């Protein structure tokens, strides 16, 4: 026989219900901890970008210092080259060889530091008579002058000096009174004038009677 009622079984636990009590102080600590964490994170990001900017600034300053040091080194090199040239012109002599139609020049190029590397450059010799108007010049090798100074040093006689080197040249077909002085110009391989030295051209000594008799 069908019934319209339900049979309900209720099971009851006899164990006590456990409850957890969260105090307000814990939320306060968690909030403070979160704020501190965010602060530390923001401080770290700020420090990172600050260090990045500082490194960029230090790189720029380092580059500027390197440029200043390079410019200073070039200035010191230029001053040293002007006051302490790498070469010296020693024993400069101008004389009239016997039976020659002109005068000769002889000198010695010496390195200021013989232990250094070989020095390369060019040399030009200029015979001049600046008592005339306009002045008279003769150049070996030939090239244009500006106020008696060679304008195209790259066309000079190339040389290499290791320790010392002797140089001799002949200015032939020159009358006795054509020129009064001779200047030797020494240029670096880059064309910079590093040294010059001038000597007077002596008067030609008259040939002796014995010499004339020998020629006859």
N, C-alpha and C. Protein backbone atom coordinates (compact mmCIF):
# COMPACT_ATOMS: atom_id res chain seq x y z
N UNK A 1 0.84 -1.17 0.00
CA UNK A 1 0.00 0.00 0.00
C UNK A 1 0.89 1.24 0.00
N UNK A 2 0.63 2.12 -0.95
CA UNK A 2 1.43 3.33 -1.07
C UNK A 2 1.08 4.33 0.00
N UNK A 3 2.15 5.09 0.43
CA UNK A 3 1.96 6.09 1.49
C UNK A 3 2.53 7.39 0.99
N UNK A 4 1.96 8.52 1.40
CA UNK A 4 2.43 9.85 1.01
C UNK A 4 3.42 10.44 2.00
N UNK A 5 4.04 9.72 2.85
CA UNK A 5 4.99 10.22 3.86
C UNK A 5 6.39 9.69 3.56
N UNK A 6 7.38 10.46 4.04
CA UNK A 6 8.80 10.09 3.90
C UNK A 6 9.35 9.68 5.25
N UNK A 7 10.35 8.81 5.20
CA UNK A 7 11.01 8.36 6.42
C UNK A 7 12.38 9.05 6.45
N UNK A 8 12.56 9.90 7.39
CA UNK A 8 13.78 10.72 7.49
C UNK A 8 14.59 10.25 8.66
N UNK A 9 15.88 9.94 8.36
CA UNK A 9 16.81 9.50 9.41
C UNK A 9 17.79 10.64 9.65
N UNK A 10 17.88 11.08 10.82
CA UNK A 10 18.80 12.17 11.20
C UNK A 10 19.94 11.56 11.99
N UNK A 11 21.21 11.79 11.40
CA UNK A 11 22.40 11.32 12.09
C UNK A 11 23.06 12.50 12.77
N UNK A 12 23.32 12.42 13.98
CA UNK A 12 23.90 13.51 14.76
C UNK A 12 25.28 13.11 15.25
N UNK A 13 26.25 14.05 15.01
CA UNK A 13 27.60 13.79 15.47
C UNK A 13 27.73 14.28 16.88
N UNK A 14 28.40 13.47 17.60
CA UNK A 14 28.60 13.83 19.01
C UNK A 14 29.92 14.56 19.26
N UNK A 15 30.74 14.73 18.15
CA UNK A 15 32.00 15.46 18.33
C UNK A 15 31.72 16.95 18.35
N UNK A 16 32.48 17.70 19.15
CA UNK A 16 32.24 19.16 19.23
C UNK A 16 32.73 19.87 17.95
N UNK A 17 32.07 20.89 17.55
CA UNK A 17 32.42 21.66 16.36
C UNK A 17 33.62 22.56 16.69
N UNK A 18 34.68 22.45 15.80
CA UNK A 18 35.89 23.24 16.00
C UNK A 18 35.77 24.57 15.28
N UNK A 19 36.14 25.61 15.94
CA UNK A 19 36.08 26.96 15.36
C UNK A 19 37.45 27.62 15.48
N UNK A 20 37.79 28.48 14.47
CA UNK A 20 39.04 29.23 14.47
C UNK A 20 38.72 30.69 14.63
N UNK A 21 39.45 31.29 15.48
CA UNK A 21 39.23 32.70 15.74
C UNK A 21 40.44 33.49 15.22
N UNK A 22 40.18 34.32 14.25
CA UNK A 22 41.25 35.16 13.68
C UNK A 22 41.14 36.54 14.29
N UNK A 23 42.24 36.91 14.92
CA UNK A 23 42.22 38.20 15.58
C UNK A 23 42.48 39.34 14.58
N UNK A 24 42.02 40.48 14.91
CA UNK A 24 42.18 41.66 14.06
C UNK A 24 43.66 42.06 13.93
N UNK A 25 44.44 41.69 14.91
CA UNK A 25 45.86 42.03 14.89
C UNK A 25 46.58 41.37 13.71
N UNK A 26 46.16 40.13 13.33
CA UNK A 26 46.79 39.44 12.21
C UNK A 26 46.58 40.19 10.91
N UNK A 27 45.37 40.66 10.68
CA UNK A 27 45.11 41.45 9.46
C UNK A 27 45.93 42.73 9.45
N UNK A 28 46.11 43.29 10.64
CA UNK A 28 46.91 44.51 10.72
C UNK A 28 48.35 44.24 10.32
N UNK A 29 48.89 43.12 10.85
CA UNK A 29 50.26 42.76 10.51
C UNK A 29 50.40 42.45 9.02
N UNK A 30 49.43 41.72 8.47
CA UNK A 30 49.47 41.41 7.04
C UNK A 30 49.41 42.68 6.19
N UNK A 31 48.60 43.61 6.61
CA UNK A 31 48.51 44.88 5.88
C UNK A 31 49.81 45.66 5.94
N UNK A 32 50.36 45.71 7.14
CA UNK A 32 51.64 46.41 7.27
C UNK A 32 52.72 45.72 6.45
N UNK A 33 52.73 44.36 6.48
CA UNK A 33 53.71 43.61 5.69
C UNK A 33 53.56 43.86 4.19
N UNK A 34 52.30 43.91 3.73
CA UNK A 34 52.07 44.20 2.31
C UNK A 34 52.55 45.58 1.92
N UNK A 35 52.27 46.56 2.80
CA UNK A 35 52.73 47.92 2.51
C UNK A 35 54.26 47.98 2.46
N UNK A 36 54.90 47.29 3.43
CA UNK A 36 56.36 47.28 3.43
C UNK A 36 56.93 46.59 2.19
N UNK A 37 56.28 45.49 1.78
CA UNK A 37 56.74 44.78 0.59
C UNK A 37 56.63 45.66 -0.65
N UNK A 38 55.50 46.36 -0.78
CA UNK A 38 55.34 47.26 -1.92
C UNK A 38 56.35 48.40 -1.87
N UNK A 39 56.61 48.88 -0.65
CA UNK A 39 57.60 49.95 -0.50
C UNK A 39 58.99 49.48 -0.90
N UNK A 40 59.36 48.26 -0.44
CA UNK A 40 60.66 47.73 -0.82
C UNK A 40 60.76 47.49 -2.32
N UNK A 41 59.67 47.02 -2.92
CA UNK A 41 59.67 46.80 -4.36
C UNK A 41 59.84 48.13 -5.11
N UNK A 42 59.10 49.14 -4.66
CA UNK A 42 59.25 50.45 -5.29
C UNK A 42 60.63 51.03 -5.10
N UNK A 43 61.21 50.84 -3.88
CA UNK A 43 62.55 51.33 -3.62
C UNK A 43 63.58 50.61 -4.50
N UNK A 44 63.38 49.30 -4.70
CA UNK A 44 64.29 48.55 -5.56
C UNK A 44 64.23 49.04 -7.01
N UNK A 45 63.01 49.28 -7.49
CA UNK A 45 62.87 49.80 -8.86
C UNK A 45 63.52 51.17 -8.98
N UNK A 46 63.31 52.02 -7.97
CA UNK A 46 63.91 53.35 -7.99
C UNK A 46 65.44 53.26 -7.97
N UNK A 47 65.97 52.37 -7.12
CA UNK A 47 67.42 52.20 -7.06
C UNK A 47 67.97 51.69 -8.38
N UNK A 48 67.23 50.78 -9.03
CA UNK A 48 67.69 50.24 -10.31
C UNK A 48 67.82 51.34 -11.36
N UNK A 49 66.77 52.14 -11.50
CA UNK A 49 66.82 53.21 -12.49
C UNK A 49 67.82 54.30 -12.10
N UNK A 50 67.97 54.54 -10.79
CA UNK A 50 68.97 55.51 -10.36
C UNK A 50 70.38 55.04 -10.70
N UNK A 51 70.64 53.75 -10.43
CA UNK A 51 71.96 53.21 -10.76
C UNK A 51 72.18 53.21 -12.27
N UNK A 52 71.11 52.94 -13.03
CA UNK A 52 71.23 52.97 -14.49
C UNK A 52 71.61 54.36 -14.99
N UNK A 53 70.93 55.38 -14.45
CA UNK A 53 71.26 56.75 -14.83
C UNK A 53 72.67 57.14 -14.37
N UNK A 54 73.04 56.68 -13.17
CA UNK A 54 74.37 57.00 -12.66
C UNK A 54 75.45 56.34 -13.51
N UNK A 55 75.20 55.09 -13.92
CA UNK A 55 76.17 54.42 -14.78
C UNK A 55 76.30 55.13 -16.12
N UNK A 56 75.17 55.59 -16.67
CA UNK A 56 75.21 56.32 -17.95
C UNK A 56 76.01 57.62 -17.78
N UNK A 57 75.78 58.32 -16.65
CA UNK A 57 76.51 59.55 -16.40
C UNK A 57 78.01 59.28 -16.24
N UNK A 58 78.34 58.21 -15.51
CA UNK A 58 79.76 57.87 -15.33
C UNK A 58 80.41 57.47 -16.64
N UNK A 59 79.67 56.78 -17.51
CA UNK A 59 80.23 56.43 -18.82
C UNK A 59 80.51 57.69 -19.64
N UNK A 60 79.58 58.65 -19.59
CA UNK A 60 79.80 59.90 -20.32
C UNK A 60 81.01 60.65 -19.77
N UNK A 61 81.11 60.71 -18.43
CA UNK A 61 82.26 61.40 -17.83
C UNK A 61 83.57 60.69 -18.16
N UNK A 62 83.53 59.34 -18.15
CA UNK A 62 84.73 58.58 -18.50
C UNK A 62 85.15 58.85 -19.94
N UNK A 63 84.16 58.91 -20.85
CA UNK A 63 84.47 59.20 -22.24
C UNK A 63 85.07 60.60 -22.39
N UNK A 64 84.50 61.56 -21.67
CA UNK A 64 85.04 62.92 -21.72
C UNK A 64 86.46 62.97 -21.16
N UNK A 65 86.69 62.24 -20.05
CA UNK A 65 88.03 62.22 -19.48
C UNK A 65 89.03 61.58 -20.44
N UNK A 66 88.61 60.50 -21.12
CA UNK A 66 89.50 59.87 -22.09
C UNK A 66 89.83 60.83 -23.23
N UNK A 67 88.81 61.59 -23.67
CA UNK A 67 89.04 62.57 -24.73
C UNK A 67 90.00 63.66 -24.26
N UNK A 68 89.82 64.13 -23.00
CA UNK A 68 90.71 65.15 -22.47
C UNK A 68 92.14 64.62 -22.33
N UNK A 69 92.26 63.36 -21.89
CA UNK A 69 93.59 62.76 -21.75
C UNK A 69 94.24 62.63 -23.12
N UNK A 70 93.45 62.22 -24.13
CA UNK A 70 93.98 62.11 -25.49
C UNK A 70 94.44 63.47 -26.01
N UNK A 71 93.63 64.51 -25.78
CA UNK A 71 94.02 65.85 -26.22
C UNK A 71 95.27 66.33 -25.48
N UNK A 72 95.33 66.02 -24.17
CA UNK A 72 96.51 66.40 -23.39
C UNK A 72 97.75 65.68 -23.89
N UNK A 73 97.58 64.39 -24.22
CA UNK A 73 98.71 63.63 -24.73
C UNK A 73 99.21 64.20 -26.05
N UNK A 74 98.28 64.57 -26.93
CA UNK A 74 98.67 65.18 -28.20
C UNK A 74 99.37 66.51 -27.98
N UNK A 75 98.84 67.30 -27.02
CA UNK A 75 99.48 68.59 -26.72
C UNK A 75 100.89 68.39 -26.18
N UNK A 76 101.03 67.43 -25.25
CA UNK A 76 102.36 67.17 -24.69
C UNK A 76 103.31 66.65 -25.77
N UNK A 77 102.79 65.81 -26.67
CA UNK A 77 103.63 65.31 -27.75
C UNK A 77 104.08 66.44 -28.66
N UNK A 78 103.15 67.38 -28.93
CA UNK A 78 103.51 68.50 -29.79
C UNK A 78 104.53 69.41 -29.12
N UNK A 79 104.31 69.68 -27.82
CA UNK A 79 105.26 70.53 -27.10
C UNK A 79 106.62 69.84 -27.00
N UNK A 80 106.59 68.52 -26.74
CA UNK A 80 107.86 67.79 -26.65
C UNK A 80 108.59 67.79 -27.99
N UNK A 81 107.81 67.64 -29.08
CA UNK A 81 108.44 67.65 -30.40
C UNK A 81 109.04 69.01 -30.71
N UNK A 82 108.37 70.08 -30.24
CA UNK A 82 108.88 71.42 -30.52
C UNK A 82 110.10 71.74 -29.67
N UNK A 83 110.09 71.33 -28.41
CA UNK A 83 111.20 71.67 -27.51
C UNK A 83 112.27 70.59 -27.47
N UNK A 84 111.90 69.35 -27.76
CA UNK A 84 112.85 68.25 -27.76
C UNK A 84 112.66 67.44 -29.04
N UNK A 85 113.14 67.99 -30.18
CA UNK A 85 112.93 67.29 -31.45
C UNK A 85 113.58 65.91 -31.44
N UNK A 86 113.01 64.97 -32.20
CA UNK A 86 113.55 63.60 -32.19
C UNK A 86 114.89 63.48 -32.91
N UNK A 87 115.27 64.51 -33.69
CA UNK A 87 116.53 64.47 -34.41
C UNK A 87 117.37 65.70 -34.10
N UNK A 88 118.67 65.59 -34.38
CA UNK A 88 119.58 66.72 -34.26
C UNK A 88 120.40 66.81 -35.55
N UNK A 89 120.72 68.04 -35.93
CA UNK A 89 121.62 68.27 -37.06
C UNK A 89 122.98 68.64 -36.48
N UNK A 90 123.94 67.76 -36.67
CA UNK A 90 125.28 67.97 -36.13
C UNK A 90 126.28 68.14 -37.27
N UNK A 91 127.34 68.88 -36.96
CA UNK A 91 128.48 69.02 -37.87
C UNK A 91 128.06 69.55 -39.25
N UNK A 92 127.20 70.56 -39.24
CA UNK A 92 126.78 71.17 -40.51
C UNK A 92 127.94 71.97 -41.09
N UNK A 93 128.33 71.63 -42.30
CA UNK A 93 129.45 72.30 -42.96
C UNK A 93 129.06 72.65 -44.40
N UNK A 94 129.45 73.84 -44.81
CA UNK A 94 129.32 74.26 -46.20
C UNK A 94 130.71 74.60 -46.70
N UNK A 95 131.11 74.02 -47.83
CA UNK A 95 132.48 74.19 -48.31
C UNK A 95 132.48 74.12 -49.85
N UNK A 96 133.60 74.55 -50.40
CA UNK A 96 133.79 74.55 -51.85
C UNK A 96 134.74 73.41 -52.21
N UNK A 97 134.24 72.34 -52.80
CA UNK A 97 135.15 71.26 -53.19
C UNK A 97 136.12 71.73 -54.28
N UNK A 98 137.32 71.20 -54.27
CA UNK A 98 138.29 71.58 -55.31
C UNK A 98 137.77 71.26 -56.71
N UNK A 99 138.01 72.18 -57.61
CA UNK A 99 137.66 72.03 -59.02
C UNK A 99 136.16 71.90 -59.27
N UNK A 100 135.34 72.14 -58.26
CA UNK A 100 133.88 72.05 -58.45
C UNK A 100 133.34 73.42 -58.84
N UNK A 101 132.22 73.38 -59.57
CA UNK A 101 131.61 74.63 -60.02
C UNK A 101 130.57 75.15 -59.04
N UNK A 102 130.52 74.57 -57.88
CA UNK A 102 129.58 75.01 -56.87
C UNK A 102 130.04 74.59 -55.50
N UNK A 103 129.22 74.82 -54.50
CA UNK A 103 129.57 74.48 -53.12
C UNK A 103 128.84 73.21 -52.70
N UNK A 104 129.32 72.59 -51.63
CA UNK A 104 128.73 71.36 -51.10
C UNK A 104 128.34 71.57 -49.65
N UNK A 105 127.40 70.76 -49.21
CA UNK A 105 126.95 70.80 -47.82
C UNK A 105 127.05 69.38 -47.25
N UNK A 106 127.47 69.30 -46.01
CA UNK A 106 127.62 68.02 -45.34
C UNK A 106 127.17 68.17 -43.90
N UNK A 107 126.41 67.19 -43.41
CA UNK A 107 125.97 67.21 -42.00
C UNK A 107 125.61 65.80 -41.57
N UNK A 108 125.33 65.69 -40.27
CA UNK A 108 124.99 64.40 -39.69
C UNK A 108 123.64 64.51 -38.98
N UNK A 109 122.74 63.60 -39.31
CA UNK A 109 121.46 63.50 -38.61
C UNK A 109 121.59 62.48 -37.49
N UNK A 110 121.27 62.89 -36.27
CA UNK A 110 121.40 62.00 -35.12
C UNK A 110 120.07 61.93 -34.38
N UNK A 111 119.70 60.74 -33.96
CA UNK A 111 118.50 60.57 -33.16
C UNK A 111 118.75 61.06 -31.74
N UNK A 112 117.75 61.76 -31.19
CA UNK A 112 117.86 62.18 -29.79
C UNK A 112 117.84 60.97 -28.87
N UNK A 113 117.11 59.92 -29.27
CA UNK A 113 117.07 58.67 -28.51
C UNK A 113 117.55 57.54 -29.41
N UNK A 114 118.84 57.23 -29.39
CA UNK A 114 119.35 56.21 -30.31
C UNK A 114 118.73 54.84 -30.10
N UNK A 115 118.17 54.58 -28.91
CA UNK A 115 117.57 53.29 -28.63
C UNK A 115 116.14 53.19 -29.16
N UNK A 116 115.60 54.28 -29.66
CA UNK A 116 114.23 54.27 -30.13
C UNK A 116 114.10 53.66 -31.51
N UNK A 117 112.86 53.65 -32.01
CA UNK A 117 112.60 53.10 -33.34
C UNK A 117 113.17 54.03 -34.41
N UNK A 118 113.44 53.52 -35.60
CA UNK A 118 113.94 54.38 -36.69
C UNK A 118 112.99 55.53 -36.96
N UNK A 119 113.55 56.66 -37.31
CA UNK A 119 112.74 57.85 -37.59
C UNK A 119 112.72 58.08 -39.09
N UNK A 120 111.50 58.32 -39.61
CA UNK A 120 111.31 58.57 -41.03
C UNK A 120 110.85 60.01 -41.23
N UNK A 121 111.33 60.62 -42.30
CA UNK A 121 110.92 61.98 -42.61
C UNK A 121 111.45 62.40 -43.96
N UNK A 122 111.42 63.71 -44.21
CA UNK A 122 111.96 64.27 -45.44
C UNK A 122 112.82 65.48 -45.09
N UNK A 123 113.78 65.77 -45.96
CA UNK A 123 114.65 66.94 -45.74
C UNK A 123 114.71 67.77 -47.01
N UNK A 124 114.87 69.07 -46.79
CA UNK A 124 114.98 70.03 -47.89
C UNK A 124 116.12 70.98 -47.56
N UNK A 125 116.93 71.32 -48.54
CA UNK A 125 118.04 72.26 -48.36
C UNK A 125 117.79 73.49 -49.24
N UNK A 126 117.91 74.65 -48.63
CA UNK A 126 117.63 75.91 -49.32
C UNK A 126 118.84 76.82 -49.22
N UNK A 127 119.43 77.14 -50.37
CA UNK A 127 120.48 78.17 -50.45
C UNK A 127 119.79 79.50 -50.73
N UNK A 128 120.21 80.56 -50.04
CA UNK A 128 119.48 81.82 -50.17
C UNK A 128 120.40 83.02 -50.10
N UNK A 129 119.91 84.06 -50.74
CA UNK A 129 120.54 85.37 -50.66
C UNK A 129 119.41 86.37 -50.45
N UNK A 130 119.14 86.66 -49.19
CA UNK A 130 118.03 87.54 -48.85
C UNK A 130 118.45 89.00 -48.81
N UNK A 131 119.68 89.27 -49.22
CA UNK A 131 120.10 90.66 -49.34
C UNK A 131 119.57 91.27 -50.63
N UNK A 132 119.24 90.43 -51.57
CA UNK A 132 118.72 90.92 -52.84
C UNK A 132 117.23 91.23 -52.72
N UNK A 133 116.75 92.04 -53.62
CA UNK A 133 115.32 92.36 -53.69
C UNK A 133 114.85 92.17 -55.13
N UNK A 134 114.08 91.10 -55.40
CA UNK A 134 113.59 90.11 -54.44
C UNK A 134 114.69 89.12 -54.05
N UNK A 135 114.52 88.42 -52.93
CA UNK A 135 115.54 87.46 -52.51
C UNK A 135 115.71 86.35 -53.54
N UNK A 136 116.91 85.78 -53.56
CA UNK A 136 117.22 84.67 -54.47
C UNK A 136 117.32 83.38 -53.66
N UNK A 137 116.71 82.31 -54.21
CA UNK A 137 116.72 81.01 -53.53
C UNK A 137 117.05 79.92 -54.54
N UNK A 138 117.62 78.84 -53.99
CA UNK A 138 117.75 77.60 -54.75
C UNK A 138 117.46 76.46 -53.81
N UNK A 139 116.58 75.52 -54.25
CA UNK A 139 116.06 74.47 -53.37
C UNK A 139 116.45 73.11 -53.90
N UNK A 140 116.87 72.23 -53.02
CA UNK A 140 117.11 70.83 -53.33
C UNK A 140 116.32 69.98 -52.33
N UNK A 141 115.39 69.14 -52.83
CA UNK A 141 114.83 69.06 -54.19
C UNK A 141 114.01 70.31 -54.52
N UNK A 142 113.78 70.56 -55.80
CA UNK A 142 113.07 71.75 -56.21
C UNK A 142 111.61 71.70 -55.76
N UNK A 143 111.15 72.83 -55.23
CA UNK A 143 109.75 72.98 -54.81
C UNK A 143 109.51 74.44 -54.50
N UNK A 144 108.24 74.87 -54.47
CA UNK A 144 107.96 76.28 -54.15
C UNK A 144 108.25 76.60 -52.69
N UNK A 145 108.57 77.87 -52.44
CA UNK A 145 108.85 78.36 -51.09
C UNK A 145 107.84 79.42 -50.70
N UNK A 146 107.71 79.60 -49.41
CA UNK A 146 106.91 80.70 -48.86
C UNK A 146 107.74 81.39 -47.79
N UNK A 147 108.22 82.58 -48.11
CA UNK A 147 109.11 83.32 -47.22
C UNK A 147 110.34 82.49 -46.86
N UNK A 148 110.84 81.77 -47.86
CA UNK A 148 112.06 80.99 -47.67
C UNK A 148 111.85 79.62 -47.05
N UNK A 149 110.60 79.23 -46.76
CA UNK A 149 110.30 77.94 -46.14
C UNK A 149 109.61 77.04 -47.17
N UNK A 150 110.04 75.79 -47.32
CA UNK A 150 109.40 74.90 -48.29
C UNK A 150 107.90 74.74 -48.02
N UNK A 151 107.13 74.78 -49.10
CA UNK A 151 105.68 74.66 -48.99
C UNK A 151 105.18 73.25 -49.20
N UNK A 152 105.97 72.39 -49.82
CA UNK A 152 105.53 71.03 -50.13
C UNK A 152 106.56 70.04 -49.57
N UNK A 153 106.59 69.89 -48.24
CA UNK A 153 107.61 69.02 -47.64
C UNK A 153 107.50 67.56 -48.07
N UNK A 154 106.32 67.15 -48.52
CA UNK A 154 106.18 65.75 -48.96
C UNK A 154 107.03 65.47 -50.19
N UNK A 155 107.46 66.52 -50.90
CA UNK A 155 108.33 66.35 -52.07
C UNK A 155 109.81 66.40 -51.70
N UNK A 156 110.10 66.50 -50.41
CA UNK A 156 111.49 66.54 -49.98
C UNK A 156 112.17 65.19 -50.13
N UNK A 157 113.45 65.18 -49.84
CA UNK A 157 114.23 63.95 -49.93
C UNK A 157 113.88 63.04 -48.75
N UNK A 158 113.30 61.86 -49.00
CA UNK A 158 112.94 60.98 -47.88
C UNK A 158 114.19 60.36 -47.24
N UNK A 159 114.10 60.13 -45.95
CA UNK A 159 115.24 59.53 -45.24
C UNK A 159 114.72 58.66 -44.10
N UNK A 160 115.63 57.81 -43.64
CA UNK A 160 115.39 56.97 -42.46
C UNK A 160 116.64 57.03 -41.60
N UNK A 161 116.46 57.31 -40.32
CA UNK A 161 117.59 57.42 -39.40
C UNK A 161 117.43 56.42 -38.28
N UNK A 162 118.43 55.61 -38.10
CA UNK A 162 118.54 54.72 -36.94
C UNK A 162 119.88 54.97 -36.29
N UNK A 163 119.86 55.77 -35.23
CA UNK A 163 121.10 56.18 -34.60
C UNK A 163 121.62 57.46 -35.22
N UNK A 164 122.30 57.36 -36.37
CA UNK A 164 122.79 58.54 -37.07
C UNK A 164 122.97 58.23 -38.55
N UNK A 165 122.99 59.31 -39.33
CA UNK A 165 123.15 59.17 -40.78
C UNK A 165 123.83 60.40 -41.32
N UNK A 166 124.77 60.21 -42.24
CA UNK A 166 125.49 61.31 -42.86
C UNK A 166 124.82 61.68 -44.18
N UNK A 167 124.73 62.98 -44.42
CA UNK A 167 124.09 63.50 -45.63
C UNK A 167 125.05 64.47 -46.30
N UNK A 168 125.15 64.40 -47.62
CA UNK A 168 126.00 65.32 -48.37
C UNK A 168 125.32 65.64 -49.69
N UNK A 169 125.39 66.89 -50.11
CA UNK A 169 124.78 67.33 -51.36
C UNK A 169 125.65 68.39 -52.00
N UNK A 170 125.51 68.53 -53.32
CA UNK A 170 126.31 69.49 -54.08
C UNK A 170 125.38 70.47 -54.79
N UNK A 171 125.60 71.75 -54.55
CA UNK A 171 124.91 72.81 -55.28
C UNK A 171 125.85 73.25 -56.41
N UNK A 172 125.70 72.65 -57.58
CA UNK A 172 126.64 72.94 -58.66
C UNK A 172 126.19 74.15 -59.47
N UNK A 173 127.10 74.61 -60.29
CA UNK A 173 126.83 75.73 -61.20
C UNK A 173 126.35 76.98 -60.45
N UNK A 174 127.02 77.30 -59.36
CA UNK A 174 126.67 78.49 -58.59
C UNK A 174 127.86 79.44 -58.54
N UNK A 175 127.67 80.68 -58.97
CA UNK A 175 128.75 81.66 -58.80
C UNK A 175 129.06 81.87 -57.33
N UNK A 176 130.21 82.38 -57.06
CA UNK A 176 130.68 82.49 -55.67
C UNK A 176 129.77 83.37 -54.82
N UNK A 177 129.30 84.47 -55.36
CA UNK A 177 128.50 85.41 -54.57
C UNK A 177 127.00 85.27 -54.79
N UNK A 178 126.56 84.15 -55.36
CA UNK A 178 125.13 84.00 -55.65
C UNK A 178 124.31 83.85 -54.37
N UNK A 179 124.85 83.10 -53.39
CA UNK A 179 124.11 82.84 -52.16
C UNK A 179 125.03 83.07 -50.96
N UNK A 180 124.42 83.42 -49.84
CA UNK A 180 125.19 83.74 -48.63
C UNK A 180 124.92 82.79 -47.46
N UNK A 181 123.83 82.04 -47.52
CA UNK A 181 123.50 81.14 -46.39
C UNK A 181 122.76 79.93 -46.93
N UNK A 182 122.79 78.86 -46.13
CA UNK A 182 122.09 77.63 -46.48
C UNK A 182 121.37 77.11 -45.26
N UNK A 183 120.11 76.74 -45.43
CA UNK A 183 119.30 76.22 -44.33
C UNK A 183 118.84 74.81 -44.64
N UNK A 184 118.99 73.94 -43.67
CA UNK A 184 118.50 72.56 -43.78
C UNK A 184 117.19 72.46 -43.01
N UNK A 185 116.14 72.02 -43.68
CA UNK A 185 114.82 71.83 -43.07
C UNK A 185 114.55 70.34 -42.93
N UNK A 186 114.14 69.94 -41.73
CA UNK A 186 113.78 68.54 -41.46
C UNK A 186 112.29 68.48 -41.16
N UNK A 187 111.58 67.64 -41.90
CA UNK A 187 110.14 67.48 -41.72
C UNK A 187 109.82 66.06 -41.27
N UNK A 188 108.75 65.94 -40.50
CA UNK A 188 108.26 64.62 -40.13
C UNK A 188 107.60 63.97 -41.34
N UNK A 189 107.26 62.69 -41.20
CA UNK A 189 106.62 61.98 -42.30
C UNK A 189 105.25 62.58 -42.61
N UNK A 190 104.64 63.24 -41.60
CA UNK A 190 103.34 63.88 -41.81
C UNK A 190 103.48 65.28 -42.42
N UNK A 191 104.70 65.75 -42.63
CA UNK A 191 104.90 67.06 -43.25
C UNK A 191 105.05 68.20 -42.26
N UNK A 192 105.27 67.89 -40.98
CA UNK A 192 105.43 68.94 -39.97
C UNK A 192 106.91 69.29 -39.82
N UNK A 193 107.20 70.59 -39.81
CA UNK A 193 108.57 71.04 -39.63
C UNK A 193 109.00 70.79 -38.18
N UNK A 194 110.03 69.99 -37.99
CA UNK A 194 110.49 69.66 -36.64
C UNK A 194 111.84 70.27 -36.32
N UNK A 195 112.59 70.66 -37.36
CA UNK A 195 113.94 71.13 -37.10
C UNK A 195 114.47 71.89 -38.31
N UNK A 196 115.25 72.92 -38.06
CA UNK A 196 115.94 73.63 -39.12
C UNK A 196 117.24 74.21 -38.57
N UNK A 197 118.23 74.29 -39.43
CA UNK A 197 119.52 74.81 -39.01
C UNK A 197 120.17 75.52 -40.19
N UNK A 198 120.79 76.66 -39.92
CA UNK A 198 121.36 77.50 -40.97
C UNK A 198 122.86 77.65 -40.78
N UNK A 199 123.57 77.67 -41.89
CA UNK A 199 125.02 77.91 -41.87
C UNK A 199 125.36 78.90 -42.97
N UNK A 200 126.38 79.72 -42.72
CA UNK A 200 126.83 80.66 -43.74
C UNK A 200 127.62 79.93 -44.82
N UNK A 201 127.50 80.44 -46.03
CA UNK A 201 128.28 79.90 -47.14
C UNK A 201 129.59 80.69 -47.21
N UNK A 202 130.71 80.06 -46.96
CA UNK A 202 131.98 80.81 -46.94
C UNK A 202 132.39 81.24 -48.34
N UNK A 203 133.25 82.23 -48.37
CA UNK A 203 133.82 82.64 -49.65
C UNK A 203 134.81 81.58 -50.13
N UNK A 204 134.85 81.47 -51.41
CA UNK A 204 135.73 80.46 -51.99
C UNK A 204 137.19 80.93 -51.86
N UNK A 205 138.00 80.03 -51.35
CA UNK A 205 139.41 80.36 -51.21
C UNK A 205 140.09 80.33 -52.57
N UNK A 206 140.94 81.31 -52.84
CA UNK A 206 141.64 81.32 -54.13
C UNK A 206 142.56 80.12 -54.25
N UNK A 207 142.61 79.59 -55.46
CA UNK A 207 143.46 78.44 -55.69
C UNK A 207 144.93 78.85 -55.59
N UNK A 208 145.70 77.96 -55.04
CA UNK A 208 147.14 78.23 -54.90
C UNK A 208 147.84 78.17 -56.25
N UNK A 209 149.03 78.76 -56.29
CA UNK A 209 149.80 78.76 -57.51
C UNK A 209 150.17 77.35 -57.93
N UNK A 210 150.43 76.49 -56.95
CA UNK A 210 150.78 75.11 -57.25
C UNK A 210 149.60 74.39 -57.87
N UNK A 211 148.39 74.72 -57.39
CA UNK A 211 147.22 74.07 -57.96
C UNK A 211 147.00 74.47 -59.38
N UNK A 212 147.22 75.77 -59.68
CA UNK A 212 147.04 76.22 -61.06
C UNK A 212 148.08 75.59 -61.97
N UNK A 213 149.32 75.44 -61.47
CA UNK A 213 150.34 74.81 -62.28
C UNK A 213 150.01 73.36 -62.55
N UNK A 214 149.44 72.67 -61.55
CA UNK A 214 149.08 71.28 -61.76
C UNK A 214 148.00 71.15 -62.84
N UNK A 215 147.04 72.11 -62.83
CA UNK A 215 145.98 72.07 -63.82
C UNK A 215 146.56 72.29 -65.21
N UNK A 216 147.55 73.21 -65.31
CA UNK A 216 148.16 73.47 -66.59
C UNK A 216 148.97 72.24 -67.06
